[in-house]
């Protein structure tokens, strides 16, 4: 049955809900990697060492 046919019979057809699209705050081409830069692997290793819990020493 179509929506028009339902309206002819007196049945109310609910409107379709609108879907809001979220806009990303940063696009993939607006990152260092998007500009062709490679992440500094030494900086990540340093960060991991800084986050090491004291009981691991």
N, C-alpha and C. Protein backbone atom coordinates (compact mmCIF):
# COMPACT_ATOMS: atom_id res chain seq x y z
N UNK A 1 0.83 -1.18 0.00
CA UNK A 1 0.00 0.00 0.00
C UNK A 1 0.88 1.24 0.00
N UNK A 2 0.47 2.24 -0.69
CA UNK A 2 1.23 3.47 -0.72
C UNK A 2 0.73 4.42 0.35
N UNK A 3 1.51 5.46 0.62
CA UNK A 3 1.11 6.46 1.61
C UNK A 3 -0.15 7.18 1.16
N UNK A 4 -0.23 7.46 -0.15
CA UNK A 4 -1.40 8.16 -0.66
C UNK A 4 -2.66 7.33 -0.44
N UNK A 5 -2.56 6.04 -0.64
CA UNK A 5 -3.70 5.15 -0.49
C UNK A 5 -4.16 5.14 0.98
N UNK A 6 -3.20 5.14 1.91
CA UNK A 6 -3.55 5.15 3.34
C UNK A 6 -4.26 6.45 3.72
N UNK A 7 -3.80 7.57 3.15
CA UNK A 7 -4.42 8.84 3.48
C UNK A 7 -5.85 8.89 2.96
N UNK A 8 -6.09 8.25 1.83
CA UNK A 8 -7.44 8.24 1.29
C UNK A 8 -8.40 7.51 2.22
N UNK A 9 -7.93 6.51 2.92
CA UNK A 9 -8.77 5.74 3.84
C UNK A 9 -8.93 6.45 5.18
N UNK A 10 -8.22 7.54 5.38
CA UNK A 10 -8.34 8.27 6.63
C UNK A 10 -7.25 7.91 7.63
N UNK A 11 -6.37 6.98 7.30
CA UNK A 11 -5.29 6.61 8.21
C UNK A 11 -4.21 7.68 8.14
N UNK A 12 -3.72 8.08 9.28
CA UNK A 12 -2.66 9.09 9.31
C UNK A 12 -1.31 8.38 9.19
N UNK A 13 -0.50 8.87 8.30
CA UNK A 13 0.82 8.32 8.09
C UNK A 13 1.81 9.23 8.81
N UNK A 14 2.58 8.70 9.76
CA UNK A 14 3.52 9.56 10.49
C UNK A 14 4.64 10.04 9.55
N UNK A 15 5.10 11.26 9.76
CA UNK A 15 6.21 11.75 8.92
C UNK A 15 7.49 10.98 9.24
N UNK A 16 8.34 10.88 8.25
CA UNK A 16 9.62 10.19 8.45
C UNK A 16 10.51 11.06 9.31
N UNK A 17 11.20 10.46 10.26
CA UNK A 17 12.09 11.25 11.11
C UNK A 17 13.30 11.75 10.30
N UNK A 18 13.73 12.95 10.60
CA UNK A 18 14.91 13.49 9.94
C UNK A 18 16.14 13.04 10.70
N UNK A 19 17.14 12.67 9.97
CA UNK A 19 18.38 12.21 10.58
C UNK A 19 19.38 13.36 10.54
N UNK A 20 19.83 13.75 11.71
CA UNK A 20 20.83 14.81 11.79
C UNK A 20 22.21 14.20 11.56
N UNK A 21 22.94 14.81 10.68
CA UNK A 21 24.29 14.32 10.40
C UNK A 21 25.29 15.14 11.21
N UNK A 22 26.13 14.44 11.91
CA UNK A 22 27.15 15.11 12.70
C UNK A 22 28.33 15.48 11.80
N UNK A 23 28.77 16.69 11.91
CA UNK A 23 29.92 17.14 11.14
C UNK A 23 31.17 16.85 11.95
N UNK A 24 32.14 16.16 11.36
CA UNK A 24 33.36 15.87 12.11
C UNK A 24 34.10 17.16 12.44
N UNK A 25 34.74 17.18 13.61
CA UNK A 25 35.48 18.37 14.00
C UNK A 25 36.76 18.52 13.20
N UNK A 26 37.32 17.41 12.75
CA UNK A 26 38.54 17.47 11.96
C UNK A 26 38.46 16.41 10.87
N UNK A 27 38.69 16.81 9.65
CA UNK A 27 38.64 15.86 8.56
C UNK A 27 39.96 15.11 8.46
N UNK A 28 39.93 13.98 7.76
CA UNK A 28 41.14 13.15 7.66
C UNK A 28 42.26 13.86 6.90
N UNK A 29 41.90 14.76 5.98
CA UNK A 29 42.96 15.45 5.25
C UNK A 29 43.44 16.70 5.97
N UNK A 30 42.91 16.98 7.14
CA UNK A 30 43.34 18.12 7.93
C UNK A 30 44.23 17.68 9.09
N UNK A 31 44.86 16.55 8.94
CA UNK A 31 45.77 16.04 9.96
C UNK A 31 47.19 16.01 9.40
N UNK A 32 48.15 15.78 10.28
CA UNK A 32 49.54 15.66 9.81
C UNK A 32 49.67 14.54 8.79
N UNK A 33 49.02 13.42 9.04
CA UNK A 33 49.08 12.29 8.12
C UNK A 33 48.44 12.66 6.78
N UNK A 34 47.36 13.45 6.82
CA UNK A 34 46.70 13.89 5.59
C UNK A 34 47.58 14.78 4.74
N UNK A 35 48.48 15.50 5.38
CA UNK A 35 49.41 16.36 4.67
C UNK A 35 50.66 15.59 4.24
N UNK A 36 50.69 14.29 4.51
CA UNK A 36 51.81 13.47 4.07
C UNK A 36 52.93 13.35 5.08
N UNK A 37 52.72 13.86 6.28
CA UNK A 37 53.75 13.76 7.31
C UNK A 37 53.60 12.45 8.06
N UNK A 38 54.73 11.92 8.46
CA UNK A 38 54.70 10.68 9.23
C UNK A 38 54.80 11.00 10.71
N UNK A 39 54.08 10.26 11.53
CA UNK A 39 54.17 10.52 12.97
C UNK A 39 55.56 10.19 13.50
N UNK A 40 55.97 10.94 14.49
CA UNK A 40 57.27 10.74 15.10
C UNK A 40 57.20 9.52 16.01
N UNK A 41 57.80 8.42 15.57
CA UNK A 41 57.73 7.18 16.35
C UNK A 41 58.50 7.28 17.65
N UNK A 42 59.58 8.06 17.67
CA UNK A 42 60.35 8.22 18.91
C UNK A 42 59.54 8.95 19.97
N UNK A 43 58.72 9.89 19.55
CA UNK A 43 57.90 10.63 20.51
C UNK A 43 56.89 9.69 21.17
N UNK A 44 56.35 8.76 20.41
CA UNK A 44 55.40 7.80 20.98
C UNK A 44 56.10 6.88 21.98
N UNK A 45 57.29 6.42 21.64
CA UNK A 45 58.05 5.58 22.55
C UNK A 45 58.36 6.34 23.84
N UNK A 46 58.73 7.61 23.72
CA UNK A 46 59.01 8.43 24.89
C UNK A 46 57.76 8.59 25.75
N UNK A 47 56.62 8.80 25.11
CA UNK A 47 55.36 8.94 25.84
C UNK A 47 55.05 7.66 26.60
N UNK A 48 55.26 6.50 25.95
CA UNK A 48 55.00 5.23 26.63
C UNK A 48 55.89 5.06 27.86
N UNK A 49 57.14 5.46 27.75
CA UNK A 49 58.07 5.37 28.89
C UNK A 49 57.64 6.30 30.02
N UNK A 50 57.12 7.48 29.67
CA UNK A 50 56.65 8.43 30.69
C UNK A 50 55.40 7.91 31.40
N UNK A 51 54.58 7.14 30.71
CA UNK A 51 53.35 6.63 31.29
C UNK A 51 53.54 5.33 32.06
N UNK A 52 54.75 4.83 32.10
CA UNK A 52 55.04 3.56 32.78
C UNK A 52 54.79 3.70 34.29
N UNK A 53 54.02 2.80 34.86
CA UNK A 53 53.75 2.87 36.31
C UNK A 53 55.04 2.67 37.12
N UNK A 54 55.13 3.32 38.28
CA UNK A 54 56.35 3.22 39.09
C UNK A 54 56.63 1.80 39.58
N UNK A 55 55.61 0.98 39.74
CA UNK A 55 55.84 -0.37 40.26
C UNK A 55 56.45 -1.29 39.20
N UNK A 56 56.63 -0.82 37.97
CA UNK A 56 57.27 -1.65 36.93
C UNK A 56 58.79 -1.54 37.00
N UNK A 57 59.30 -0.58 37.72
CA UNK A 57 60.78 -0.39 37.80
C UNK A 57 61.42 -1.45 38.65
